[in-house]
Amino acid sequence: MSFIFQVSVFLLYLTMGKIHGATAPILPAKKFFSGEKWSEFSHPLPSVLILTAIVVSVSTMAVALAIIVNIKRSYRTIEADEIERIDLE
């Protein structure tokens, strides 16, 4: 459920940064040296922020899975009740 919420927030921010009829904020060399400006461009900040959020979420999931694997190796289970019982023995 959390994954669906995360993706919906990513899409919300990406659609806010997109302007219909606009181009990427990259100025071709011809326009750069002639001094000609573009009329409209899409803002790159939402895309950059979402890319960062995706990297953070994947990294967090990787750390959580690594912790789960270590718990499974140590206790031979991932059930909280069984781990608590083993610790109390």
N, C-alpha and C. Protein backbone atom coordinates (compact mmCIF):
# COMPACT_ATOMS: atom_id res chain seq x y z
N MET A 1 0.83 -1.19 0.00
CA MET A 1 0.00 0.00 0.00
C MET A 1 0.87 1.25 0.00
N SER A 2 1.95 1.21 0.76
CA SER A 2 2.85 2.35 0.82
C SER A 2 3.48 2.64 -0.53
N PHE A 3 3.80 1.57 -1.27
CA PHE A 3 4.42 1.73 -2.58
C PHE A 3 3.48 2.46 -3.54
N ILE A 4 2.19 2.14 -3.51
CA ILE A 4 1.21 2.80 -4.38
C ILE A 4 1.12 4.28 -4.03
N PHE A 5 1.11 4.60 -2.75
CA PHE A 5 1.07 6.00 -2.32
C PHE A 5 2.32 6.75 -2.77
N GLN A 6 3.46 6.11 -2.65
CA GLN A 6 4.73 6.73 -3.04
C GLN A 6 4.74 7.04 -4.53
N VAL A 7 4.33 6.09 -5.35
CA VAL A 7 4.31 6.29 -6.79
C VAL A 7 3.32 7.39 -7.17
N SER A 8 2.18 7.45 -6.50
CA SER A 8 1.21 8.49 -6.82
C SER A 8 1.75 9.89 -6.48
N VAL A 9 2.51 10.00 -5.40
CA VAL A 9 3.12 11.29 -5.07
C VAL A 9 4.19 11.65 -6.09
N PHE A 10 4.97 10.66 -6.53
CA PHE A 10 5.98 10.91 -7.57
C PHE A 10 5.31 11.44 -8.84
N LEU A 11 4.23 10.79 -9.26
CA LEU A 11 3.54 11.23 -10.47
C LEU A 11 2.93 12.62 -10.32
N LEU A 12 2.42 12.92 -9.13
CA LEU A 12 1.86 14.25 -8.88
C LEU A 12 2.92 15.32 -9.09
N TYR A 13 4.09 15.13 -8.50
CA TYR A 13 5.15 16.13 -8.63
C TYR A 13 5.67 16.22 -10.06
N LEU A 14 5.77 15.09 -10.74
CA LEU A 14 6.24 15.13 -12.12
C LEU A 14 5.28 15.87 -13.03
N THR A 15 3.97 15.68 -12.82
CA THR A 15 3.00 16.37 -13.66
C THR A 15 2.96 17.86 -13.34
N MET A 16 3.29 18.25 -12.12
CA MET A 16 3.31 19.68 -11.79
C MET A 16 4.45 20.40 -12.51
N GLY A 17 5.54 19.69 -12.77
CA GLY A 17 6.68 20.32 -13.41
C GLY A 17 6.59 20.39 -14.92
N LYS A 18 5.66 19.63 -15.51
CA LYS A 18 5.54 19.58 -16.97
C LYS A 18 4.58 20.66 -17.45
N ILE A 19 5.00 21.40 -18.46
CA ILE A 19 4.16 22.44 -19.07
C ILE A 19 3.90 22.00 -20.51
N HIS A 20 2.64 21.96 -20.91
CA HIS A 20 2.30 21.54 -22.27
C HIS A 20 2.85 22.54 -23.28
N GLY A 21 3.50 22.01 -24.30
CA GLY A 21 4.08 22.85 -25.34
C GLY A 21 5.45 23.39 -24.98
N ALA A 22 5.94 23.04 -23.82
CA ALA A 22 7.25 23.53 -23.40
C ALA A 22 8.32 22.50 -23.74
N THR A 23 9.55 22.95 -23.72
CA THR A 23 10.67 22.08 -24.05
C THR A 23 11.55 21.88 -22.82
N ALA A 24 12.51 20.99 -22.96
CA ALA A 24 13.46 20.78 -21.87
C ALA A 24 14.34 22.03 -21.73
N PRO A 25 14.78 22.35 -20.52
CA PRO A 25 15.57 23.56 -20.32
C PRO A 25 17.03 23.40 -20.75
N ILE A 26 17.21 22.93 -21.98
CA ILE A 26 18.55 22.77 -22.54
C ILE A 26 18.61 23.66 -23.78
N LEU A 27 19.51 24.60 -23.76
CA LEU A 27 19.62 25.55 -24.86
C LEU A 27 20.62 25.03 -25.89
N PRO A 28 20.16 24.82 -27.14
CA PRO A 28 21.12 24.37 -28.17
C PRO A 28 22.22 25.40 -28.39
N ALA A 29 23.36 24.94 -28.88
CA ALA A 29 24.52 25.82 -29.06
C ALA A 29 24.20 26.99 -29.99
N LYS A 30 23.39 26.75 -31.03
CA LYS A 30 23.05 27.83 -31.96
C LYS A 30 22.36 28.98 -31.23
N LYS A 31 21.37 28.64 -30.40
CA LYS A 31 20.63 29.67 -29.67
C LYS A 31 21.50 30.30 -28.58
N PHE A 32 22.39 29.52 -27.98
CA PHE A 32 23.23 30.03 -26.91
C PHE A 32 24.16 31.13 -27.42
N PHE A 33 24.80 30.88 -28.54
CA PHE A 33 25.76 31.86 -29.05
C PHE A 33 25.09 33.03 -29.74
N SER A 34 23.86 32.85 -30.25
CA SER A 34 23.17 33.95 -30.92
C SER A 34 22.45 34.84 -29.91
N GLY A 35 22.28 34.37 -28.68
CA GLY A 35 21.59 35.17 -27.66
C GLY A 35 20.09 34.98 -27.70
N GLU A 36 19.59 34.13 -28.60
CA GLU A 36 18.15 33.89 -28.71
C GLU A 36 17.70 33.08 -27.49
N LYS A 37 16.55 33.44 -26.95
CA LYS A 37 16.02 32.76 -25.76
C LYS A 37 14.87 31.85 -26.17
N TRP A 38 14.60 30.83 -25.35
CA TRP A 38 13.43 30.00 -25.59
C TRP A 38 12.23 30.66 -24.94
N SER A 39 11.05 30.31 -25.39
CA SER A 39 9.86 30.96 -24.86
C SER A 39 9.37 30.28 -23.58
N GLU A 40 9.18 28.97 -23.62
CA GLU A 40 8.72 28.26 -22.43
C GLU A 40 9.53 26.98 -22.25
N PHE A 41 9.79 26.63 -21.01
CA PHE A 41 10.47 25.38 -20.71
C PHE A 41 9.87 24.75 -19.47
N SER A 42 9.99 23.46 -19.38
CA SER A 42 9.53 22.73 -18.20
C SER A 42 10.55 22.89 -17.09
N HIS A 43 10.07 23.04 -15.89
CA HIS A 43 10.96 23.24 -14.75
C HIS A 43 11.64 21.91 -14.40
N PRO A 44 12.96 21.88 -14.29
CA PRO A 44 13.66 20.61 -14.02
C PRO A 44 13.66 20.20 -12.55
N LEU A 45 13.34 21.10 -11.64
CA LEU A 45 13.45 20.79 -10.22
C LEU A 45 12.55 19.63 -9.77
N PRO A 46 11.27 19.57 -10.18
CA PRO A 46 10.46 18.42 -9.75
C PRO A 46 11.04 17.08 -10.20
N SER A 47 11.57 17.01 -11.39
CA SER A 47 12.17 15.76 -11.87
C SER A 47 13.39 15.38 -11.04
N VAL A 48 14.19 16.36 -10.71
CA VAL A 48 15.38 16.09 -9.90
C VAL A 48 14.99 15.64 -8.50
N LEU A 49 14.00 16.27 -7.91
CA LEU A 49 13.57 15.89 -6.57
C LEU A 49 12.97 14.49 -6.56
N ILE A 50 12.19 14.15 -7.57
CA ILE A 50 11.59 12.84 -7.63
C ILE A 50 12.65 11.77 -7.85
N LEU A 51 13.63 12.05 -8.69
CA LEU A 51 14.72 11.10 -8.89
C LEU A 51 15.46 10.85 -7.57
N THR A 52 15.69 11.90 -6.81
CA THR A 52 16.32 11.75 -5.49
C THR A 52 15.45 10.93 -4.55
N ALA A 53 14.14 11.18 -4.57
CA ALA A 53 13.22 10.43 -3.71
C ALA A 53 13.19 8.95 -4.08
N ILE A 54 13.25 8.65 -5.37
CA ILE A 54 13.28 7.25 -5.80
C ILE A 54 14.54 6.57 -5.31
N VAL A 55 15.67 7.23 -5.43
CA VAL A 55 16.94 6.65 -4.96
C VAL A 55 16.90 6.42 -3.46
N VAL A 56 16.37 7.37 -2.71
CA VAL A 56 16.28 7.23 -1.25
C VAL A 56 15.35 6.07 -0.88
N SER A 57 14.21 5.95 -1.55
CA SER A 57 13.28 4.87 -1.21
C SER A 57 13.85 3.50 -1.54
N VAL A 58 14.54 3.38 -2.66
CA VAL A 58 15.15 2.09 -3.02
C VAL A 58 16.27 1.76 -2.03
N SER A 59 17.06 2.75 -1.64
CA SER A 59 18.13 2.52 -0.68
C SER A 59 17.58 2.11 0.68
N THR A 60 16.51 2.74 1.10
CA THR A 60 15.88 2.39 2.38
C THR A 60 15.36 0.96 2.35
N MET A 61 14.74 0.58 1.22
CA MET A 61 14.24 -0.78 1.10
C MET A 61 15.39 -1.79 1.12
N ALA A 62 16.50 -1.46 0.49
CA ALA A 62 17.65 -2.36 0.48
C ALA A 62 18.22 -2.56 1.88
N VAL A 63 18.29 -1.49 2.66
CA VAL A 63 18.79 -1.60 4.04
C VAL A 63 17.83 -2.44 4.87
N ALA A 64 16.53 -2.22 4.71
CA ALA A 64 15.54 -3.00 5.46
C ALA A 64 15.64 -4.48 5.12
N LEU A 65 15.78 -4.80 3.84
CA LEU A 65 15.91 -6.20 3.45
C LEU A 65 17.20 -6.82 3.98
N ALA A 66 18.27 -6.04 4.01
CA ALA A 66 19.53 -6.55 4.56
C ALA A 66 19.39 -6.86 6.05
N ILE A 67 18.68 -6.01 6.77
CA ILE A 67 18.44 -6.26 8.20
C ILE A 67 17.60 -7.51 8.39
N ILE A 68 16.58 -7.68 7.55
CA ILE A 68 15.73 -8.87 7.65
C ILE A 68 16.53 -10.14 7.37
N VAL A 69 17.40 -10.09 6.37
CA VAL A 69 18.24 -11.26 6.05
C VAL A 69 19.14 -11.59 7.23
N ASN A 70 19.72 -10.57 7.88
CA ASN A 70 20.59 -10.83 9.04
C ASN A 70 19.81 -11.40 10.22
N ILE A 71 18.60 -10.92 10.42
CA ILE A 71 17.75 -11.48 11.49
C ILE A 71 17.44 -12.94 11.19
N LYS A 72 17.11 -13.23 9.95
CA LYS A 72 16.79 -14.61 9.55
C LYS A 72 17.99 -15.53 9.76
N ARG A 73 19.19 -15.05 9.43
CA ARG A 73 20.40 -15.86 9.63
C ARG A 73 20.69 -16.09 11.11
N SER A 74 20.46 -15.09 11.93
CA SER A 74 20.77 -15.20 13.36
C SER A 74 19.76 -16.07 14.10
N TYR A 75 18.47 -15.86 13.83
CA TYR A 75 17.43 -16.53 14.61
C TYR A 75 16.74 -17.67 13.86
N ARG A 76 17.02 -17.82 12.59
CA ARG A 76 16.39 -18.83 11.73
C ARG A 76 14.89 -18.61 11.60
N THR A 77 14.41 -17.41 11.85
CA THR A 77 13.02 -17.04 11.69
C THR A 77 12.93 -15.53 11.60
N ILE A 78 11.80 -15.04 11.10
CA ILE A 78 11.57 -13.59 11.10
C ILE A 78 10.31 -13.21 11.87
N GLU A 79 9.73 -14.20 12.54
CA GLU A 79 8.53 -13.96 13.34
C GLU A 79 8.93 -13.32 14.68
N ALA A 80 8.28 -12.23 15.01
CA ALA A 80 8.63 -11.48 16.22
C ALA A 80 8.41 -12.30 17.48
N ASP A 81 7.32 -13.07 17.52
CA ASP A 81 7.04 -13.88 18.72
C ASP A 81 8.13 -14.92 18.96
N GLU A 82 8.55 -15.57 17.88
CA GLU A 82 9.59 -16.59 18.02
C GLU A 82 10.93 -15.98 18.41
N ILE A 83 11.25 -14.81 17.85
CA ILE A 83 12.50 -14.14 18.20
C ILE A 83 12.49 -13.73 19.67
N GLU A 84 11.36 -13.22 20.14
CA GLU A 84 11.24 -12.84 21.55
C GLU A 84 11.39 -14.06 22.46
N ARG A 85 10.79 -15.18 22.07
CA ARG A 85 10.90 -16.41 22.85
C ARG A 85 12.35 -16.89 22.90
N ILE A 86 13.05 -16.82 21.76
CA ILE A 86 14.45 -17.24 21.71
C ILE A 86 15.32 -16.34 22.59
N ASP A 87 15.04 -15.03 22.57
CA ASP A 87 15.81 -14.10 23.40
C ASP A 87 15.58 -14.32 24.88
N LEU A 88 14.39 -14.72 25.26
CA LEU A 88 14.08 -14.93 26.68
C LEU A 88 14.67 -16.22 27.21
N GLU A 89 15.00 -17.17 26.35
CA GLU A 89 15.57 -18.45 26.80
C GLU A 89 16.99 -18.32 27.28
